[in-house]
């Protein structure tokens, strides 16, 4: 019945992926969305919340809420921006730095699991197609 419906089929896939990612990140007591934000800040310390929102394709208000929670939990630190008096730069805390290797390993394990499940070439093609379609929409 839903063979042609991108909405229905993409949501089925998202629910299945969420279950796997939620379980994987539970080891660190982090939702995947927070884990990816931490990974981004570890990779690019000093981003503004607007830059984080752009990178993660999230609303600025969502990022502000995530960063506030992660800061209160000791994962991130906000500093005044050197170029924008109203802006804040986001940097990893020592707690995040201590977890960097484990988050990288977790990302590699999830990627490897997906490659084993659907094949690396198929996964790469699927992800690149998703990114292209998202840009077009």
N, C-alpha and C. Protein backbone atom coordinates (compact mmCIF):
# COMPACT_ATOMS: atom_id res chain seq x y z
N UNK A 1 0.80 -1.20 0.00
CA UNK A 1 0.00 0.00 0.00
C UNK A 1 0.85 1.27 0.00
N UNK A 2 2.01 1.25 0.69
CA UNK A 2 2.82 2.45 0.82
C UNK A 2 4.13 2.37 0.01
N UNK A 3 4.13 1.59 -1.05
CA UNK A 3 5.34 1.38 -1.84
C UNK A 3 5.91 2.67 -2.41
N UNK A 4 5.08 3.66 -2.67
CA UNK A 4 5.55 4.91 -3.29
C UNK A 4 5.66 6.06 -2.30
N UNK A 5 5.36 5.84 -1.05
CA UNK A 5 5.26 6.93 -0.08
C UNK A 5 6.59 7.16 0.65
N UNK A 6 7.26 8.25 0.28
CA UNK A 6 8.54 8.58 0.91
C UNK A 6 8.35 8.90 2.39
N UNK A 7 7.25 9.56 2.73
CA UNK A 7 6.98 9.93 4.12
C UNK A 7 6.89 8.68 5.00
N UNK A 8 6.03 7.76 4.64
CA UNK A 8 5.82 6.56 5.45
C UNK A 8 7.11 5.74 5.56
N UNK A 9 7.74 5.47 4.44
CA UNK A 9 8.93 4.62 4.43
C UNK A 9 10.13 5.25 5.13
N UNK A 10 10.27 6.57 4.99
CA UNK A 10 11.38 7.22 5.69
C UNK A 10 11.15 7.19 7.21
N UNK A 11 9.91 7.31 7.65
CA UNK A 11 9.64 7.24 9.08
C UNK A 11 9.84 5.83 9.64
N UNK A 12 9.52 4.83 8.89
CA UNK A 12 9.81 3.46 9.32
C UNK A 12 11.31 3.29 9.52
N UNK A 13 12.08 3.76 8.56
CA UNK A 13 13.53 3.67 8.66
C UNK A 13 14.05 4.47 9.85
N UNK A 14 13.56 5.67 10.05
CA UNK A 14 14.00 6.50 11.17
C UNK A 14 13.72 5.82 12.50
N UNK A 15 12.56 5.23 12.66
CA UNK A 15 12.25 4.53 13.92
C UNK A 15 13.22 3.38 14.16
N UNK A 16 13.55 2.64 13.11
CA UNK A 16 14.50 1.52 13.27
C UNK A 16 15.90 2.02 13.60
N UNK A 17 16.34 3.08 12.93
CA UNK A 17 17.66 3.65 13.21
C UNK A 17 17.70 4.26 14.60
N UNK A 18 16.64 4.96 14.99
CA UNK A 18 16.60 5.55 16.33
C UNK A 18 16.76 4.48 17.40
N UNK A 19 16.11 3.35 17.23
CA UNK A 19 16.22 2.28 18.22
C UNK A 19 17.67 1.82 18.37
N UNK A 20 18.37 1.65 17.25
CA UNK A 20 19.78 1.22 17.30
C UNK A 20 20.67 2.29 17.91
N UNK A 21 20.49 3.53 17.46
CA UNK A 21 21.35 4.63 17.94
C UNK A 21 21.07 4.93 19.41
N UNK A 22 19.81 4.92 19.82
CA UNK A 22 19.47 5.15 21.23
C UNK A 22 20.15 4.12 22.13
N UNK A 23 20.10 2.87 21.71
CA UNK A 23 20.72 1.79 22.48
C UNK A 23 22.24 1.97 22.54
N UNK A 24 22.85 2.33 21.43
CA UNK A 24 24.30 2.49 21.38
C UNK A 24 24.77 3.65 22.26
N UNK A 25 24.06 4.78 22.22
CA UNK A 25 24.47 5.95 22.99
C UNK A 25 24.09 5.85 24.46
N UNK A 26 23.18 4.94 24.80
CA UNK A 26 22.74 4.78 26.19
C UNK A 26 23.93 4.43 27.09
N UNK A 27 24.94 3.80 26.55
CA UNK A 27 26.14 3.46 27.33
C UNK A 27 26.72 4.72 27.97
N UNK A 28 26.62 5.84 27.27
CA UNK A 28 27.16 7.10 27.76
C UNK A 28 26.08 8.00 28.37
N UNK A 29 24.88 7.46 28.49
CA UNK A 29 23.74 8.19 29.04
C UNK A 29 23.49 9.49 28.29
N UNK A 30 23.63 9.41 26.96
CA UNK A 30 23.40 10.56 26.09
C UNK A 30 22.41 10.19 25.01
N UNK A 31 21.50 11.08 24.67
CA UNK A 31 20.73 10.85 23.45
C UNK A 31 21.67 11.03 22.25
N UNK A 32 21.43 10.33 21.16
CA UNK A 32 22.30 10.48 19.99
C UNK A 32 22.46 11.93 19.54
N UNK A 33 21.39 12.71 19.58
CA UNK A 33 21.48 14.10 19.14
C UNK A 33 22.49 14.88 19.97
N UNK A 34 22.55 14.61 21.26
CA UNK A 34 23.53 15.28 22.12
C UNK A 34 24.93 14.76 21.84
N UNK A 35 25.04 13.46 21.61
CA UNK A 35 26.33 12.87 21.28
C UNK A 35 26.92 13.46 20.00
N UNK A 36 26.07 13.66 18.99
CA UNK A 36 26.56 14.24 17.73
C UNK A 36 26.94 15.69 17.91
N UNK A 37 26.22 16.42 18.74
CA UNK A 37 26.58 17.82 19.00
C UNK A 37 27.93 17.87 19.70
N UNK A 38 28.14 17.02 20.68
CA UNK A 38 29.43 16.96 21.36
C UNK A 38 30.54 16.61 20.37
N UNK A 39 30.30 15.63 19.51
CA UNK A 39 31.32 15.25 18.52
C UNK A 39 31.67 16.42 17.61
N UNK A 40 30.67 17.18 17.21
CA UNK A 40 30.91 18.34 16.36
C UNK A 40 31.77 19.37 17.08
N UNK A 41 31.45 19.66 18.34
CA UNK A 41 32.22 20.65 19.10
C UNK A 41 33.63 20.13 19.40
N UNK A 42 33.77 18.84 19.60
CA UNK A 42 35.11 18.27 19.77
C UNK A 42 35.93 18.45 18.50
N UNK A 43 35.28 18.28 17.35
CA UNK A 43 35.97 18.40 16.07
C UNK A 43 36.25 19.86 15.70
N UNK A 44 35.35 20.76 16.12
CA UNK A 44 35.48 22.17 15.76
C UNK A 44 35.20 23.06 16.98
N UNK A 45 36.09 23.07 17.96
CA UNK A 45 35.85 23.87 19.16
C UNK A 45 35.74 25.36 18.79
N UNK A 46 34.86 26.05 19.51
CA UNK A 46 34.71 27.48 19.30
C UNK A 46 33.61 27.87 18.33
N UNK A 47 32.82 26.90 17.89
CA UNK A 47 31.68 27.22 17.02
C UNK A 47 30.65 28.02 17.81
N UNK A 48 29.91 28.87 17.10
CA UNK A 48 28.78 29.54 17.73
C UNK A 48 27.57 28.61 17.66
N UNK A 49 26.55 28.93 18.42
CA UNK A 49 25.33 28.12 18.37
C UNK A 49 24.70 28.17 16.98
N UNK A 50 24.80 29.30 16.30
CA UNK A 50 24.28 29.41 14.93
C UNK A 50 25.05 28.49 14.00
N UNK A 51 26.36 28.44 14.14
CA UNK A 51 27.17 27.55 13.30
C UNK A 51 26.85 26.08 13.59
N UNK A 52 26.63 25.76 14.85
CA UNK A 52 26.23 24.39 15.21
C UNK A 52 24.88 24.07 14.58
N UNK A 53 23.94 25.00 14.66
CA UNK A 53 22.61 24.80 14.06
C UNK A 53 22.75 24.55 12.56
N UNK A 54 23.60 25.31 11.89
CA UNK A 54 23.80 25.13 10.45
C UNK A 54 24.40 23.76 10.15
N UNK A 55 25.40 23.35 10.91
CA UNK A 55 26.07 22.06 10.68
C UNK A 55 25.13 20.88 10.93
N UNK A 56 24.32 20.97 11.98
CA UNK A 56 23.45 19.86 12.35
C UNK A 56 22.06 19.96 11.74
N UNK A 57 21.82 21.02 10.99
CA UNK A 57 20.54 21.28 10.33
C UNK A 57 19.41 21.23 11.37
N UNK A 58 19.59 22.05 12.41
CA UNK A 58 18.62 22.17 13.49
C UNK A 58 18.27 23.64 13.67
N UNK A 59 17.12 23.91 14.27
CA UNK A 59 16.76 25.28 14.62
C UNK A 59 17.72 25.79 15.69
N UNK A 60 17.99 27.09 15.63
CA UNK A 60 18.88 27.70 16.62
C UNK A 60 18.34 27.52 18.03
N UNK A 61 17.01 27.58 18.19
CA UNK A 61 16.42 27.41 19.52
C UNK A 61 16.64 25.99 20.05
N UNK A 62 16.61 25.01 19.17
CA UNK A 62 16.87 23.62 19.57
C UNK A 62 18.32 23.48 20.02
N UNK A 63 19.22 24.06 19.25
CA UNK A 63 20.64 24.02 19.62
C UNK A 63 20.88 24.73 20.93
N UNK A 64 20.24 25.87 21.14
CA UNK A 64 20.40 26.60 22.41
C UNK A 64 19.96 25.72 23.58
N UNK A 65 18.86 25.02 23.41
CA UNK A 65 18.36 24.12 24.47
C UNK A 65 19.34 22.97 24.71
N UNK A 66 19.82 22.35 23.61
CA UNK A 66 20.78 21.25 23.74
C UNK A 66 22.07 21.72 24.42
N UNK A 67 22.60 22.85 23.95
CA UNK A 67 23.86 23.36 24.51
C UNK A 67 23.67 23.71 25.99
N UNK A 68 22.54 24.31 26.33
CA UNK A 68 22.28 24.62 27.73
C UNK A 68 22.27 23.37 28.60
N UNK A 69 21.62 22.33 28.13
CA UNK A 69 21.57 21.06 28.87
C UNK A 69 22.96 20.44 28.98
N UNK A 70 23.68 20.42 27.85
CA UNK A 70 25.02 19.82 27.87
C UNK A 70 25.99 20.63 28.71
N UNK A 71 25.80 21.93 28.76
CA UNK A 71 26.64 22.76 29.62
C UNK A 71 26.32 22.48 31.10
N UNK A 72 25.04 22.40 31.44
CA UNK A 72 24.68 22.14 32.84
C UNK A 72 25.10 20.73 33.28
N UNK A 73 25.20 19.80 32.33
CA UNK A 73 25.65 18.44 32.64
C UNK A 73 27.17 18.31 32.60
N UNK A 74 27.87 19.41 32.29
CA UNK A 74 29.33 19.40 32.33
C UNK A 74 30.02 18.96 31.05
N UNK A 75 29.30 18.87 29.93
CA UNK A 75 29.89 18.41 28.67
C UNK A 75 30.49 19.54 27.84
N UNK A 76 29.88 20.72 27.90
CA UNK A 76 30.29 21.84 27.07
C UNK A 76 30.47 23.09 27.93
N UNK A 77 31.19 24.06 27.36
CA UNK A 77 31.41 25.35 28.02
C UNK A 77 31.15 26.43 26.98
N UNK A 78 30.40 27.47 27.39
CA UNK A 78 30.17 28.62 26.51
C UNK A 78 31.08 29.77 26.96
N UNK A 79 31.71 30.41 25.97
CA UNK A 79 32.58 31.55 26.21
C UNK A 79 32.10 32.72 25.36
N UNK A 80 32.33 33.96 25.80
CA UNK A 80 31.98 35.10 24.96
C UNK A 80 32.73 35.03 23.63
N UNK A 81 32.05 35.38 22.57
CA UNK A 81 32.65 35.40 21.24
C UNK A 81 33.59 36.59 21.12
N UNK A 82 34.68 36.39 20.44
CA UNK A 82 35.63 37.48 20.23
C UNK A 82 35.16 38.43 19.12
N UNK A 83 34.28 37.96 18.25
CA UNK A 83 33.85 38.77 17.11
C UNK A 83 32.42 39.27 17.23
N UNK A 84 31.59 38.61 18.04
CA UNK A 84 30.18 39.00 18.17
C UNK A 84 29.86 39.16 19.66
N UNK A 85 29.61 40.40 20.08
CA UNK A 85 29.39 40.66 21.50
C UNK A 85 28.20 39.91 22.07
N UNK A 86 27.22 39.60 21.23
CA UNK A 86 26.03 38.87 21.69
C UNK A 86 26.22 37.36 21.61
N UNK A 87 27.16 36.91 20.81
CA UNK A 87 27.34 35.49 20.56
C UNK A 87 28.21 34.79 21.59
N UNK A 88 28.06 33.50 21.62
CA UNK A 88 28.87 32.66 22.51
C UNK A 88 29.56 31.59 21.67
N UNK A 89 30.81 31.33 22.00
CA UNK A 89 31.54 30.22 21.39
C UNK A 89 31.37 29.00 22.30
N UNK A 90 31.20 27.85 21.68
CA UNK A 90 30.98 26.62 22.44
C UNK A 90 32.22 25.75 22.32
N UNK A 91 32.74 25.32 23.45
CA UNK A 91 33.92 24.46 23.48
C UNK A 91 33.64 23.22 24.33
N UNK A 92 34.39 22.16 24.08
CA UNK A 92 34.20 20.95 24.91
C UNK A 92 34.82 21.14 26.29
N UNK A 93 34.20 20.53 27.27
CA UNK A 93 34.78 20.51 28.62
C UNK A 93 35.78 19.35 28.69
N UNK A 94 36.45 19.26 29.80
CA UNK A 94 37.37 18.13 29.98
C UNK A 94 36.61 16.81 29.95
N UNK A 95 35.39 16.82 30.49
CA UNK A 95 34.54 15.62 30.48
C UNK A 95 34.31 15.15 29.04
N UNK A 96 34.03 16.09 28.13
CA UNK A 96 33.82 15.74 26.72
C UNK A 96 35.13 15.28 26.09
N UNK A 97 36.22 15.98 26.39
CA UNK A 97 37.53 15.59 25.85
C UNK A 97 37.89 14.17 26.27
N UNK A 98 37.55 13.81 27.51
CA UNK A 98 37.84 12.47 28.02
C UNK A 98 37.03 11.40 27.29
N UNK A 99 35.88 11.78 26.72
CA UNK A 99 35.00 10.83 26.05
C UNK A 99 35.21 10.80 24.53
N UNK A 100 36.07 11.69 24.03
CA UNK A 100 36.23 11.83 22.57
C UNK A 100 36.56 10.51 21.87
N UNK A 101 37.53 9.79 22.39
CA UNK A 101 37.93 8.52 21.75
C UNK A 101 36.77 7.53 21.74
N UNK A 102 36.05 7.42 22.85
CA UNK A 102 34.93 6.49 22.93
C UNK A 102 33.82 6.85 21.96
N UNK A 103 33.55 8.15 21.79
CA UNK A 103 32.52 8.57 20.83
C UNK A 103 32.95 8.27 19.40
N UNK A 104 34.24 8.42 19.12
CA UNK A 104 34.75 8.08 17.79
C UNK A 104 34.62 6.58 17.53
N UNK A 105 34.98 5.79 18.52
CA UNK A 105 34.85 4.33 18.40
C UNK A 105 33.39 3.95 18.20
N UNK A 106 32.50 4.57 18.95
CA UNK A 106 31.07 4.29 18.82
C UNK A 106 30.59 4.61 17.41
N UNK A 107 30.98 5.76 16.89
CA UNK A 107 30.61 6.13 15.52
C UNK A 107 31.13 5.12 14.51
N UNK A 108 32.35 4.68 14.69
CA UNK A 108 32.93 3.67 13.78
C UNK A 108 32.21 2.34 13.90
N UNK A 109 31.83 1.96 15.11
CA UNK A 109 31.10 0.70 15.30
C UNK A 109 29.72 0.76 14.64
N UNK A 110 29.02 1.88 14.78
CA UNK A 110 27.71 2.02 14.14
C UNK A 110 27.85 1.97 12.62
N UNK A 111 28.85 2.64 12.10
CA UNK A 111 29.09 2.62 10.67
C UNK A 111 29.39 1.19 10.20
N UNK A 112 30.25 0.51 10.93
CA UNK A 112 30.62 -0.86 10.58
C UNK A 112 29.41 -1.79 10.61
N UNK A 113 28.57 -1.63 11.61
CA UNK A 113 27.35 -2.44 11.72
C UNK A 113 26.44 -2.22 10.52
N UNK A 114 26.29 -0.95 10.13
CA UNK A 114 25.45 -0.65 8.96
C UNK A 114 26.08 -1.21 7.69
N UNK A 115 27.40 -1.14 7.58
CA UNK A 115 28.08 -1.72 6.40
C UNK A 115 27.87 -3.23 6.35
N UNK A 116 27.98 -3.88 7.51
CA UNK A 116 27.76 -5.33 7.56
C UNK A 116 26.32 -5.69 7.24
N UNK A 117 25.40 -4.84 7.63
CA UNK A 117 23.98 -5.12 7.44
C UNK A 117 23.52 -4.89 6.02
N UNK A 118 23.90 -3.75 5.45
CA UNK A 118 23.39 -3.43 4.10
C UNK A 118 24.47 -3.31 3.04
N UNK A 119 25.72 -3.39 3.44
CA UNK A 119 26.83 -3.29 2.49
C UNK A 119 27.37 -1.87 2.43
N UNK A 120 28.70 -1.76 2.39
CA UNK A 120 29.32 -0.44 2.44
C UNK A 120 28.98 0.42 1.22
N UNK A 121 29.05 -0.16 0.03
CA UNK A 121 28.73 0.63 -1.18
C UNK A 121 27.29 1.10 -1.16
N UNK A 122 26.39 0.22 -0.76
CA UNK A 122 24.98 0.57 -0.69
C UNK A 122 24.74 1.67 0.35
N UNK A 123 25.42 1.56 1.48
CA UNK A 123 25.30 2.56 2.54
C UNK A 123 25.80 3.92 2.05
N UNK A 124 26.98 3.95 1.44
CA UNK A 124 27.53 5.21 0.94
C UNK A 124 26.60 5.84 -0.10
N UNK A 125 26.08 5.02 -1.00
CA UNK A 125 25.17 5.53 -2.03
C UNK A 125 23.89 6.07 -1.37
N UNK A 126 23.37 5.34 -0.41
CA UNK A 126 22.14 5.75 0.27
C UNK A 126 22.34 7.08 0.99
N UNK A 127 23.42 7.21 1.75
CA UNK A 127 23.68 8.43 2.51
C UNK A 127 23.90 9.61 1.55
N UNK A 128 24.65 9.40 0.50
CA UNK A 128 24.87 10.51 -0.45
C UNK A 128 23.56 10.90 -1.13
N UNK A 129 22.72 9.93 -1.44
CA UNK A 129 21.42 10.23 -2.05
C UNK A 129 20.52 10.99 -1.06
N UNK A 130 20.52 10.57 0.20
CA UNK A 130 19.75 11.28 1.23
C UNK A 130 20.18 12.74 1.32
N UNK A 131 21.48 12.96 1.32
CA UNK A 131 22.00 14.33 1.44
C UNK A 131 21.61 15.17 0.22
N UNK A 132 21.68 14.58 -0.94
CA UNK A 132 21.28 15.29 -2.16
C UNK A 132 19.78 15.66 -2.14
N UNK A 133 18.96 14.68 -1.76
CA UNK A 133 17.52 14.92 -1.71
C UNK A 133 17.19 15.98 -0.67
N UNK A 134 17.84 15.92 0.49
CA UNK A 134 17.61 16.93 1.53
C UNK A 134 17.95 18.32 1.03
N UNK A 135 19.03 18.44 0.29
CA UNK A 135 19.42 19.73 -0.27
C UNK A 135 18.38 20.21 -1.28
N UNK A 136 17.90 19.30 -2.11
CA UNK A 136 16.92 19.66 -3.13
C UNK A 136 15.57 20.07 -2.54
N UNK A 137 15.21 19.46 -1.42
CA UNK A 137 13.92 19.79 -0.79
C UNK A 137 14.03 21.09 -0.02
